[in-house]
Amino acid sequence: VEDPLTLVIRDSGIGIAPEDIPRVFERGYTGGNGRGSAGSSGIGLWLCKRICDELGNSIRIGSEPGVGTEVRVGLEKKTGRFE
C-alpha cells in the first residue's frame, strides 16, 4: 500500500504488450499473450474495473514486456452504490 491509499500489485511475469494496454479492461478482450492460452477469458480485468467503478475507486495498469505488470487501485474514495 502506498500513499495516498493506493493498493499496488506488481509481478515479474511476461508483461503486457504496449498495444494491448488500452484495451485490457474491455469485456472479453485478451491480448496477444492471452490468445495463446485456452484458459484466458478476457473477463478478469473487466470485472476488476467494473468493481472499482461501482465502489468509486480508480484502477490503472502499466506493464513492460519481459519485466512485469503493475496494477494500481486507488482506495481514496469510499462512495458507491450498496444494496
Protein backbone atom coordinates (compact mmCIF):
# COMPACT_ATOMS: atom_id res chain seq x y z
CA VAL A 1 0.00 0.00 0.00
CA GLU A 2 1.29 3.45 -0.92
CA ASP A 3 0.11 6.95 -0.10
CA PRO A 4 -2.41 8.24 -0.90
CA LEU A 5 -4.29 4.98 -0.13
CA THR A 6 -3.25 3.04 -3.22
CA LEU A 7 -3.06 -0.73 -3.40
CA VAL A 8 -0.16 -1.64 -5.69
CA ILE A 9 0.13 -5.15 -7.13
CA ARG A 10 3.31 -5.99 -9.06
CA ASP A 11 4.55 -9.11 -10.73
CA SER A 12 7.64 -10.09 -12.64
CA GLY A 13 5.82 -12.07 -15.31
CA ILE A 14 5.85 -11.88 -19.09
CA GLY A 15 4.20 -8.46 -19.15
CA ILE A 16 1.61 -6.99 -21.49
CA ALA A 17 2.37 -5.58 -24.93
CA PRO A 18 2.01 -1.77 -25.15
CA GLU A 19 -0.63 -2.06 -27.88
CA ASP A 20 -2.80 -4.22 -25.58
CA ILE A 21 -2.73 -1.90 -22.54
CA PRO A 22 -5.50 0.48 -23.75
CA ARG A 23 -7.91 -2.46 -24.13
CA VAL A 24 -7.17 -4.68 -21.11
CA PHE A 25 -10.28 -3.51 -19.23
CA GLU A 26 -12.65 -4.29 -22.13
CA ARG A 27 -15.01 -7.21 -21.61
CA GLY A 28 -13.79 -10.28 -23.47
CA TYR A 29 -10.52 -8.76 -24.63
CA THR A 30 -7.46 -10.98 -24.50
CA GLY A 31 -4.19 -9.56 -25.71
CA GLY A 32 -1.54 -11.38 -27.66
CA ASN A 33 -0.42 -13.34 -24.60
CA GLY A 34 -3.97 -14.39 -23.72
CA ARG A 35 -4.90 -15.52 -27.19
CA GLY A 36 -2.21 -18.18 -26.93
CA SER A 37 -3.82 -19.72 -23.84
CA ALA A 38 -7.06 -21.68 -23.78
CA GLY A 39 -7.56 -20.56 -20.16
CA SER A 40 -7.90 -16.86 -20.98
CA SER A 41 -11.43 -15.49 -20.95
CA GLY A 42 -10.80 -11.75 -21.12
CA ILE A 43 -13.14 -11.19 -18.20
CA GLY A 44 -10.84 -10.84 -15.15
CA LEU A 45 -9.61 -7.27 -15.60
CA TRP A 46 -13.02 -6.20 -16.92
CA LEU A 47 -14.55 -7.41 -13.63
CA CYS A 48 -11.86 -5.61 -11.62
CA LYS A 49 -12.62 -2.37 -13.46
CA ARG A 50 -16.35 -2.78 -13.01
CA ILE A 51 -15.99 -3.39 -9.27
CA CYS A 52 -13.69 -0.39 -8.88
CA ASP A 53 -16.12 1.79 -10.82
CA GLU A 54 -19.04 0.68 -8.62
CA LEU A 55 -17.05 1.44 -5.46
CA GLY A 56 -15.81 4.77 -6.76
CA ASN A 57 -12.18 3.65 -6.87
CA SER A 58 -9.66 4.09 -9.66
CA ILE A 59 -7.67 1.32 -11.34
CA ARG A 60 -4.66 1.74 -13.60
CA ILE A 61 -2.30 -0.72 -15.20
CA GLY A 62 1.21 -0.42 -16.54
CA SER A 63 3.41 -3.11 -17.96
CA GLU A 64 6.66 -3.79 -19.72
CA PRO A 65 7.03 -6.99 -21.75
CA GLY A 66 9.60 -9.31 -20.20
CA VAL A 67 9.72 -7.26 -16.99
CA GLY A 68 6.26 -7.43 -15.43
CA THR A 69 3.00 -5.66 -14.73
CA GLU A 70 1.83 -3.18 -12.10
CA VAL A 71 -1.81 -2.60 -11.19
CA ARG A 72 -2.70 0.38 -9.01
CA VAL A 73 -6.07 0.56 -7.25
CA GLY A 74 -6.90 3.93 -5.71
CA LEU A 75 -8.78 3.39 -2.47
CA GLU A 76 -9.21 7.04 -1.58
CA LYS A 77 -12.94 7.17 -2.38
CA LYS A 78 -15.43 5.35 -0.26
CA THR A 79 -18.54 6.13 -2.21
CA GLY A 80 -20.55 3.68 -4.18
CA ARG A 81 -23.88 2.03 -4.59
CA PHE A 82 -24.55 -0.61 -1.95
CA GLU A 83 -27.67 -2.73 -1.72
